Amino acid sequence: MLKLICGVRDIPAKAMIGVPLIFGHTAVATRFFGDLLTDPNAVPYKHPQDYELVQYAVYDEAQDVMEALITPRVLYTGVEFLQHTKEREA
């Protein structure tokens, strides 16, 4: 099974907050990011424009091999996620 190695990047600081996280599916990573953006106690809540969900690598569990992406892939910015959520609710 392929897994995604992701992190939440603080755009102005050009640094990941916390540690890399392993997700079995993009939808799970997206839900995690959404929880951070909508939790008043989480750091990204006040400044969603400053954060993005980024995939850094793929881990192949069957082969026990991890492959870093040459260019990290932005899955969602905070603003994109909140806009997408608003459109789905409308």
PDB file of N, CA and C in Angstrom:
ATOM      1  N   MET A   1       0.842  -1.182   0.000  1.00  0.00           N
ATOM      2  CA  MET A   1       0.000   0.000   0.000  1.00  0.00           C
ATOM      3  C   MET A   1       0.887   1.245   0.000  1.00  0.00           C
ATOM      4  N   LEU A   2       0.542   2.196  -0.861  1.00  0.00           N
ATOM      5  CA  LEU A   2       1.269   3.456  -0.904  1.00  0.00           C
ATOM      6  C   LEU A   2       0.708   4.405   0.146  1.00  0.00           C
ATOM      7  N   LYS A   3       1.596   5.084   0.836  1.00  0.00           N
ATOM      8  CA  LYS A   3       1.196   6.071   1.837  1.00  0.00           C
ATOM      9  C   LYS A   3       1.862   7.400   1.499  1.00  0.00           C
ATOM     10  N   LEU A   4       1.209   8.466   1.924  1.00  0.00           N
ATOM     11  CA  LEU A   4       1.735   9.807   1.669  1.00  0.00           C
ATOM     12  C   LEU A   4       2.441  10.328   2.916  1.00  0.00           C
ATOM     13  N   ILE A   5       3.583  10.945   2.728  1.00  0.00           N
ATOM     14  CA  ILE A   5       4.286  11.614   3.809  1.00  0.00           C
ATOM     15  C   ILE A   5       4.018  13.105   3.598  1.00  0.00           C
ATOM     16  N   CYS A   6       3.294  13.700   4.534  1.00  0.00           N
ATOM     17  CA  CYS A   6       2.844  15.085   4.386  1.00  0.00           C
ATOM     18  C   CYS A   6       3.239  15.923   5.590  1.00  0.00           C
ATOM     19  N   GLY A   7       3.074  17.204   5.433  1.00  0.00           N
ATOM     20  CA  GLY A   7       3.284  18.135   6.527  1.00  0.00           C
ATOM     21  C   GLY A   7       2.480  19.397   6.288  1.00  0.00           C
ATOM     22  N   VAL A   8       2.332  20.164   7.347  1.00  0.00           N
ATOM     23  CA  VAL A   8       1.684  21.463   7.243  1.00  0.00           C
ATOM     24  C   VAL A   8       2.803  22.505   7.248  1.00  0.00           C
ATOM     25  N   ARG A   9       2.859  23.269   6.168  1.00  0.00           N
ATOM     26  CA  ARG A   9       3.932  24.252   6.015  1.00  0.00           C
ATOM     27  C   ARG A   9       3.422  25.645   6.357  1.00  0.00           C
ATOM     28  N   ASP A  10       4.219  26.347   7.138  1.00  0.00           N
ATOM     29  CA  ASP A  10       3.982  27.753   7.443  1.00  0.00           C
ATOM     30  C   ASP A  10       4.635  28.532   6.308  1.00  0.00           C
ATOM     31  N   ILE A  11       3.824  29.099   5.437  1.00  0.00           N
ATOM     32  CA  ILE A  11       4.333  29.735   4.216  1.00  0.00           C
ATOM     33  C   ILE A  11       5.287  30.896   4.517  1.00  0.00           C
ATOM     34  N   PRO A  12       4.911  31.882   5.373  1.00  0.00           N
ATOM     35  CA  PRO A  12       5.841  32.977   5.627  1.00  0.00           C
ATOM     36  C   PRO A  12       7.158  32.526   6.272  1.00  0.00           C
ATOM     37  N   ALA A  13       7.088  31.520   7.139  1.00  0.00           N
ATOM     38  CA  ALA A  13       8.296  31.038   7.814  1.00  0.00           C
ATOM     39  C   ALA A  13       9.098  30.074   6.941  1.00  0.00           C
ATOM     40  N   LYS A  14       8.472  29.588   5.843  1.00  0.00           N
ATOM     41  CA  LYS A  14       9.112  28.618   4.957  1.00  0.00           C
ATOM     42  C   LYS A  14       9.596  27.395   5.743  1.00  0.00           C
ATOM     43  N   ALA A  15       8.710  26.903   6.625  1.00  0.00           N
ATOM     44  CA  ALA A  15       9.066  25.768   7.472  1.00  0.00           C
ATOM     45  C   ALA A  15       7.825  24.947   7.798  1.00  0.00           C
ATOM     46  N   MET A  16       8.035  23.667   8.003  1.00  0.00           N
ATOM     47  CA  MET A  16       6.954  22.788   8.405  1.00  0.00           C
ATOM     48  C   MET A  16       6.675  23.003   9.896  1.00  0.00           C
ATOM     49  N   ILE A  17       5.385  23.003  10.250  1.00  0.00           N
ATOM     50  CA  ILE A  17       5.060  23.057  11.675  1.00  0.00           C
ATOM     51  C   ILE A  17       4.879  21.611  12.139  1.00  0.00           C
ATOM     52  N   GLY A  18       5.391  21.309  13.290  1.00  0.00           N
ATOM     53  CA  GLY A  18       5.282  19.945  13.788  1.00  0.00           C
ATOM     54  C   GLY A  18       6.198  18.995  13.041  1.00  0.00           C
ATOM     55  N   VAL A  19       5.745  17.759  12.913  1.00  0.00           N
ATOM     56  CA  VAL A  19       6.547  16.703  12.287  1.00  0.00           C
ATOM     57  C   VAL A  19       5.836  16.174  11.045  1.00  0.00           C
ATOM     58  N   PRO A  20       6.553  15.482  10.159  1.00  0.00           N
ATOM     59  CA  PRO A  20       5.883  14.863   9.010  1.00  0.00           C
ATOM     60  C   PRO A  20       4.874  13.823   9.506  1.00  0.00           C
ATOM     61  N   LEU A  21       3.800  13.681   8.759  1.00  0.00           N
ATOM     62  CA  LEU A  21       2.738  12.748   9.105  1.00  0.00           C
ATOM     63  C   LEU A  21       2.521  11.774   7.954  1.00  0.00           C
ATOM     64  N   ILE A  22       2.121  10.556   8.289  1.00  0.00           N
ATOM     65  CA  ILE A  22       1.892   9.520   7.289  1.00  0.00           C
ATOM     66  C   ILE A  22       0.392   9.289   7.163  1.00  0.00           C
ATOM     67  N   PHE A  23      -0.097   9.348   5.925  1.00  0.00           N
ATOM     68  CA  PHE A  23      -1.522   9.159   5.646  1.00  0.00           C
ATOM     69  C   PHE A  23      -1.700   8.082   4.594  1.00  0.00           C
ATOM     70  N   GLY A  24      -2.741   7.289   4.743  1.00  0.00           N
ATOM     71  CA  GLY A  24      -3.037   6.236   3.793  1.00  0.00           C
ATOM     72  C   GLY A  24      -3.767   6.714   2.554  1.00  0.00           C
ATOM     73  N   HIS A  25      -4.273   7.951   2.604  1.00  0.00           N
ATOM     74  CA  HIS A  25      -5.052   8.463   1.478  1.00  0.00           C
ATOM     75  C   HIS A  25      -5.063   9.985   1.538  1.00  0.00           C
ATOM     76  N   THR A  26      -5.128  10.616   0.376  1.00  0.00           N
ATOM     77  CA  THR A  26      -5.180  12.076   0.307  1.00  0.00           C
ATOM     78  C   THR A  26      -6.376  12.633   1.075  1.00  0.00           C
ATOM     79  N   ALA A  27      -7.505  11.927   1.026  1.00  0.00           N
ATOM     80  CA  ALA A  27      -8.708  12.404   1.722  1.00  0.00           C
ATOM     81  C   ALA A  27      -8.482  12.490   3.228  1.00  0.00           C
ATOM     82  N   VAL A  28      -7.727  11.570   3.784  1.00  0.00           N
ATOM     83  CA  VAL A  28      -7.450  11.585   5.223  1.00  0.00           C
ATOM     84  C   VAL A  28      -6.535  12.758   5.570  1.00  0.00           C
ATOM     85  N   ALA A  29      -5.533  12.998   4.740  1.00  0.00           N
ATOM     86  CA  ALA A  29      -4.635  14.141   4.951  1.00  0.00           C
ATOM     87  C   ALA A  29      -5.418  15.453   4.860  1.00  0.00           C
ATOM     88  N   THR A  30      -6.312  15.533   3.893  1.00  0.00           N
ATOM     89  CA  THR A  30      -7.130  16.732   3.715  1.00  0.00           C
ATOM     90  C   THR A  30      -8.040  16.963   4.917  1.00  0.00           C
ATOM     91  N   ARG A  31      -8.647  15.897   5.425  1.00  0.00           N
ATOM     92  CA  ARG A  31      -9.512  16.024   6.602  1.00  0.00           C
ATOM     93  C   ARG A  31      -8.716  16.512   7.807  1.00  0.00           C
ATOM     94  N   PHE A  32      -7.507  15.978   7.992  1.00  0.00           N
ATOM     95  CA  PHE A  32      -6.633  16.414   9.082  1.00  0.00           C
ATOM     96  C   PHE A  32      -6.350  17.914   8.967  1.00  0.00           C
ATOM     97  N   PHE A  33      -6.002  18.356   7.767  1.00  0.00           N
ATOM     98  CA  PHE A  33      -5.702  19.768   7.525  1.00  0.00           C
ATOM     99  C   PHE A  33      -6.935  20.633   7.805  1.00  0.00           C
ATOM    100  N   GLY A  34      -8.089  20.176   7.350  1.00  0.00           N
ATOM    101  CA  GLY A  34      -9.336  20.895   7.591  1.00  0.00           C
ATOM    102  C   GLY A  34      -9.638  21.023   9.074  1.00  0.00           C
ATOM    103  N   ASP A  35      -9.355  19.970   9.829  1.00  0.00           N
ATOM    104  CA  ASP A  35      -9.565  20.034  11.280  1.00  0.00           C
ATOM    105  C   ASP A  35      -8.693  21.116  11.908  1.00  0.00           C
ATOM    106  N   LEU A  36      -7.458  21.244  11.439  1.00  0.00           N
ATOM    107  CA  LEU A  36      -6.569  22.291  11.970  1.00  0.00           C
ATOM    108  C   LEU A  36      -7.095  23.692  11.636  1.00  0.00           C
ATOM    109  N   LEU A  37      -7.607  23.840  10.423  1.00  0.00           N
ATOM    110  CA  LEU A  37      -8.076  25.158   9.981  1.00  0.00           C
ATOM    111  C   LEU A  37      -9.375  25.592  10.664  1.00  0.00           C
ATOM    112  N   THR A  38     -10.135  24.645  11.186  1.00  0.00           N
ATOM    113  CA  THR A  38     -11.432  24.983  11.787  1.00  0.00           C
ATOM    114  C   THR A  38     -11.455  24.823  13.306  1.00  0.00           C
ATOM    115  N   ASP A  39     -10.322  24.471  13.897  1.00  0.00           N
ATOM    116  CA  ASP A  39     -10.227  24.317  15.355  1.00  0.00           C
ATOM    117  C   ASP A  39      -9.667  25.602  15.961  1.00  0.00           C
ATOM    118  N   PRO A  40     -10.481  26.346  16.731  1.00  0.00           N
ATOM    119  CA  PRO A  40     -10.008  27.602  17.317  1.00  0.00           C
ATOM    120  C   PRO A  40      -8.777  27.447  18.204  1.00  0.00           C
ATOM    121  N   ASN A  41      -8.475  26.243  18.650  1.00  0.00           N
ATOM    122  CA  ASN A  41      -7.304  26.010  19.497  1.00  0.00           C
ATOM    123  C   ASN A  41      -6.055  25.628  18.707  1.00  0.00           C
ATOM    124  N   ALA A  42      -6.188  25.447  17.395  1.00  0.00           N
ATOM    125  CA  ALA A  42      -5.044  25.069  16.557  1.00  0.00           C
ATOM    126  C   ALA A  42      -4.388  26.327  15.977  1.00  0.00           C
ATOM    127  N   VAL A  43      -3.102  26.259  15.810  1.00  0.00           N
ATOM    128  CA  VAL A  43      -2.329  27.409  15.317  1.00  0.00           C
ATOM    129  C   VAL A  43      -2.846  27.965  13.982  1.00  0.00           C
ATOM    130  N   PRO A  44      -3.122  27.140  12.954  1.00  0.00           N
ATOM    131  CA  PRO A  44      -3.539  27.676  11.651  1.00  0.00           C
ATOM    132  C   PRO A  44      -4.914  28.351  11.623  1.00  0.00           C
ATOM    133  N   TYR A  45      -5.703  28.183  12.650  1.00  0.00           N
ATOM    134  CA  TYR A  45      -7.073  28.716  12.664  1.00  0.00           C
ATOM    135  C   TYR A  45      -7.118  30.227  12.411  1.00  0.00           C
ATOM    136  N   LYS A  46      -6.260  30.986  13.065  1.00  0.00           N
ATOM    137  CA  LYS A  46      -6.311  32.453  12.963  1.00  0.00           C
ATOM    138  C   LYS A  46      -5.757  33.011  11.660  1.00  0.00           C
ATOM    139  N   HIS A  47      -4.894  32.274  11.013  1.00  0.00           N
ATOM    140  CA  HIS A  47      -4.233  32.773   9.802  1.00  0.00           C
ATOM    141  C   HIS A  47      -4.185  31.686   8.727  1.00  0.00           C
ATOM    142  N   PRO A  48      -5.336  31.222   8.242  1.00  0.00           N
ATOM    143  CA  PRO A  48      -5.332  30.117   7.269  1.00  0.00           C
ATOM    144  C   PRO A  48      -4.542  30.428   5.995  1.00  0.00           C
ATOM    145  N   GLN A  49      -4.427  31.688   5.654  1.00  0.00           N
ATOM    146  CA  GLN A  49      -3.681  32.081   4.451  1.00  0.00           C
ATOM    147  C   GLN A  49      -2.187  31.790   4.579  1.00  0.00           C
ATOM    148  N   ASP A  50      -1.719  31.543   5.794  1.00  0.00           N
ATOM    149  CA  ASP A  50      -0.296  31.306   6.027  1.00  0.00           C
ATOM    150  C   ASP A  50       0.095  29.830   6.006  1.00  0.00           C
ATOM    151  N   TYR A  51      -0.855  28.939   5.745  1.00  0.00           N
ATOM    152  CA  TYR A  51      -0.569  27.507   5.852  1.00  0.00           C
ATOM    153  C   TYR A  51      -1.001  26.735   4.612  1.00  0.00           C
ATOM    154  N   GLU A  52      -0.280  25.637   4.357  1.00  0.00           N
ATOM    155  CA  GLU A  52      -0.642  24.756   3.259  1.00  0.00           C
ATOM    156  C   GLU A  52      -0.288  23.318   3.641  1.00  0.00           C
ATOM    157  N   LEU A  53      -1.066  22.404   3.086  1.00  0.00           N
ATOM    158  CA  LEU A  53      -0.825  20.980   3.257  1.00  0.00           C
ATOM    159  C   LEU A  53       0.060  20.525   2.108  1.00  0.00           C
ATOM    160  N   VAL A  54       1.207  19.936   2.427  1.00  0.00           N
ATOM    161  CA  VAL A  54       2.198  19.594   1.415  1.00  0.00           C
ATOM    162  C   VAL A  54       2.552  18.110   1.507  1.00  0.00           C
ATOM    163  N   GLN A  55       2.628  17.457   0.345  1.00  0.00           N
ATOM    164  CA  GLN A  55       3.121  16.085   0.292  1.00  0.00           C
ATOM    165  C   GLN A  55       4.604  16.144  -0.048  1.00  0.00           C
ATOM    166  N   TYR A  56       5.428  15.478   0.775  1.00  0.00           N
ATOM    167  CA  TYR A  56       6.877  15.491   0.593  1.00  0.00           C
ATOM    168  C   TYR A  56       7.426  14.189   0.010  1.00  0.00           C
ATOM    169  N   ALA A  57       6.702  13.083   0.245  1.00  0.00           N
ATOM    170  CA  ALA A  57       7.230  11.793  -0.184  1.00  0.00           C
ATOM    171  C   ALA A  57       6.103  10.771  -0.289  1.00  0.00           C
ATOM    172  N   VAL A  58       6.458   9.616  -0.860  1.00  0.00           N
ATOM    173  CA  VAL A  58       5.556   8.471  -0.933  1.00  0.00           C
ATOM    174  C   VAL A  58       6.285   7.305  -0.272  1.00  0.00           C
ATOM    175  N   TYR A  59       5.562   6.575   0.555  1.00  0.00           N
ATOM    176  CA  TYR A  59       6.124   5.389   1.202  1.00  0.00           C
ATOM    177  C   TYR A  59       5.383   4.169   0.689  1.00  0.00           C
ATOM    178  N   ASP A  60       6.123   3.247   0.097  1.00  0.00           N
ATOM    179  CA  ASP A  60       5.557   1.999  -0.399  1.00  0.00           C
ATOM    180  C   ASP A  60       5.732   0.958   0.705  1.00  0.00           C
ATOM    181  N   GLU A  61       4.639   0.680   1.385  1.00  0.00           N
ATOM    182  CA  GLU A  61       4.666  -0.219   2.534  1.00  0.00           C
ATOM    183  C   GLU A  61       5.070  -1.641   2.128  1.00  0.00           C
ATOM    184  N   ALA A  62       4.606  -2.103   0.982  1.00  0.00           N
ATOM    185  CA  ALA A  62       4.893  -3.467   0.528  1.00  0.00           C
ATOM    186  C   ALA A  62       6.377  -3.662   0.223  1.00  0.00           C
ATOM    187  N   GLN A  63       6.992  -2.651  -0.366  1.00  0.00           N
ATOM    188  CA  GLN A  63       8.409  -2.732  -0.734  1.00  0.00           C
ATOM    189  C   GLN A  63       9.335  -2.168   0.345  1.00  0.00           C
ATOM    190  N   ASP A  64       8.754  -1.512   1.347  1.00  0.00           N
ATOM    191  CA  ASP A  64       9.508  -0.843   2.411  1.00  0.00           C
ATOM    192  C   ASP A  64      10.506   0.166   1.828  1.00  0.00           C
ATOM    193  N   VAL A  65       9.960   0.995   0.922  1.00  0.00           N
ATOM    194  CA  VAL A  65      10.775   1.999   0.239  1.00  0.00           C
ATOM    195  C   VAL A  65      10.076   3.350   0.322  1.00  0.00           C
ATOM    196  N   MET A  66      10.853   4.377   0.622  1.00  0.00           N
ATOM    197  CA  MET A  66      10.326   5.737   0.648  1.00  0.00           C
ATOM    198  C   MET A  66      10.992   6.525  -0.463  1.00  0.00           C
ATOM    199  N   GLU A  67      10.181   7.282  -1.208  1.00  0.00           N
ATOM    200  CA  GLU A  67      10.704   8.086  -2.302  1.00  0.00           C
ATOM    201  C   GLU A  67      10.275   9.532  -2.107  1.00  0.00           C
ATOM    202  N   ALA A  68      11.258  10.405  -1.933  1.00  0.00           N
ATOM    203  CA  ALA A  68      10.974  11.829  -1.786  1.00  0.00           C
ATOM    204  C   ALA A  68      10.549  12.404  -3.126  1.00  0.00           C
ATOM    205  N   LEU A  69       9.622  13.342  -3.091  1.00  0.00           N
ATOM    206  CA  LEU A  69       9.240  14.040  -4.314  1.00  0.00           C
ATOM    207  C   LEU A  69      10.316  15.085  -4.602  1.00  0.00           C
ATOM    208  N   ILE A  70      10.696  15.223  -5.847  1.00  0.00           N
ATOM    209  CA  ILE A  70      11.702  16.224  -6.217  1.00  0.00           C
ATOM    210  C   ILE A  70      11.200  17.607  -5.829  1.00  0.00           C
ATOM    211  N   THR A  71       9.964  17.881  -6.172  1.00  0.00           N
ATOM    212  CA  THR A  71       9.317  19.127  -5.788  1.00  0.00           C
ATOM    213  C   THR A  71       8.114  18.772  -4.914  1.00  0.00           C
ATOM    214  N   PRO A  72       8.113  19.200  -3.652  1.00  0.00           N
ATOM    215  CA  PRO A  72       6.962  18.907  -2.795  1.00  0.00           C
ATOM    216  C   PRO A  72       5.668  19.374  -3.460  1.00  0.00           C
ATOM    217  N   ARG A  73       4.610  18.586  -3.280  1.00  0.00           N
ATOM    218  CA  ARG A  73       3.320  18.860  -3.926  1.00  0.00           C
ATOM    219  C   ARG A  73       2.357  19.497  -2.928  1.00  0.00           C
ATOM    220  N   VAL A  74       1.912  20.706  -3.236  1.00  0.00           N
ATOM    221  CA  VAL A  74       0.920  21.371  -2.387  1.00  0.00           C
ATOM    222  C   VAL A  74      -0.436  20.746  -2.690  1.00  0.00           C
ATOM    223  N   LEU A  75      -1.029  20.129  -1.674  1.00  0.00           N
ATOM    224  CA  LEU A  75      -2.334  19.502  -1.839  1.00  0.00           C
ATOM    225  C   LEU A  75      -3.448  20.527  -1.667  1.00  0.00           C
ATOM    226  N   TYR A  76      -3.289  21.420  -0.716  1.00  0.00           N
ATOM    227  CA  TYR A  76      -4.259  22.487  -0.460  1.00  0.00           C
ATOM    228  C   TYR A  76      -3.569  23.631   0.256  1.00  0.00           C
ATOM    229  N   THR A  77      -3.948  24.839  -0.067  1.00  0.00           N
ATOM    230  CA  THR A  77      -3.599  25.971   0.792  1.00  0.00           C
ATOM    231  C   THR A  77      -4.762  26.137   1.763  1.00  0.00           C
ATOM    232  N   GLY A  78      -4.530  26.846   2.852  1.00  0.00           N
ATOM    233  CA  GLY A  78      -5.606  27.074   3.803  1.00  0.00           C
ATOM    234  C   GLY A  78      -6.783  27.788   3.171  1.00  0.00           C
ATOM    235  N   VAL A  79      -6.502  28.786   2.360  1.00  0.00           N
ATOM    236  CA  VAL A  79      -7.560  29.569   1.712  1.00  0.00           C
ATOM    237  C   VAL A  79      -8.336  28.685   0.727  1.00  0.00           C
ATOM    238  N   GLU A  80      -7.628  27.873  -0.067  1.00  0.00           N
ATOM    239  CA  GLU A  80      -8.302  26.975  -1.012  1.00  0.00           C
ATOM    240  C   GLU A  80      -9.217  25.996  -0.279  1.00  0.00           C
ATOM    241  N   PHE A  81      -8.720  25.435   0.818  1.00  0.00           N
ATOM    242  CA  PHE A  81      -9.526  24.477   1.554  1.00  0.00           C
ATOM    243  C   PHE A  81     -10.800  25.124   2.080  1.00  0.00           C
ATOM    244  N   LEU A  82     -10.674  26.277   2.706  1.00  0.00           N
ATOM    245  CA  LEU A  82     -11.856  26.940   3.271  1.00  0.00           C
ATOM    246  C   LEU A  82     -12.832  27.353   2.174  1.00  0.00           C
ATOM    247  N   GLN A  83     -12.326  27.800   1.022  1.00  0.00           N
ATOM    248  CA  GLN A  83     -13.186  28.182  -0.094  1.00  0.00           C
ATOM    249  C   GLN A  83     -13.919  26.947  -0.627  1.00  0.00           C
ATOM    250  N   HIS A  84     -13.208  25.852  -0.783  1.00  0.00           N
ATOM    251  CA  HIS A  84     -13.815  24.608  -1.275  1.00  0.00           C
ATOM    252  C   HIS A  84     -14.897  24.127  -0.304  1.00  0.00           C
ATOM    253  N   THR A  85     -14.642  24.221   0.977  1.00  0.00           N
ATOM    254  CA  THR A  85     -15.615  23.812   1.987  1.00  0.00           C
ATOM    255  C   THR A  85     -16.856  24.691   1.928  1.00  0.00           C
ATOM    256  N   LYS A  86     -16.636  26.001   1.760  1.00  0.00           N
ATOM    257  CA  LYS A  86     -17.766  26.945   1.688  1.00  0.00           C
ATOM    258  C   LYS A  86     -18.634  26.654   0.471  1.00  0.00           C
ATOM    259  N   GLU A  87     -17.987  26.360  -0.663  1.00  0.00           N
ATOM    260  CA  GLU A  87     -18.743  26.064  -1.898  1.00  0.00           C
ATOM    261  C   GLU A  87     -19.538  24.768  -1.770  1.00  0.00           C
ATOM    262  N   ARG A  88     -18.992  23.771  -1.094  1.00  0.00           N
ATOM    263  CA  ARG A  88     -19.710  22.510  -0.902  1.00  0.00           C
ATOM    264  C   ARG A  88     -20.935  22.683  -0.006  1.00  0.00           C
ATOM    265  N   GLU A  89     -20.839  23.595   0.965  1.00  0.00           N
ATOM    266  CA  GLU A  89     -21.934  23.823   1.900  1.00  0.00           C
ATOM    267  C   GLU A  89     -23.047  24.668   1.289  1.00  0.00           C
ATOM    268  N   ALA A  90     -22.713  25.418   0.230  1.00  0.00           N
ATOM    269  CA  ALA A  90     -23.703  26.307  -0.387  1.00  0.00           C
ATOM    270  C   ALA A  90     -24.705  25.560  -1.241  1.00  0.00           C
TER     271      ALA A  90
END
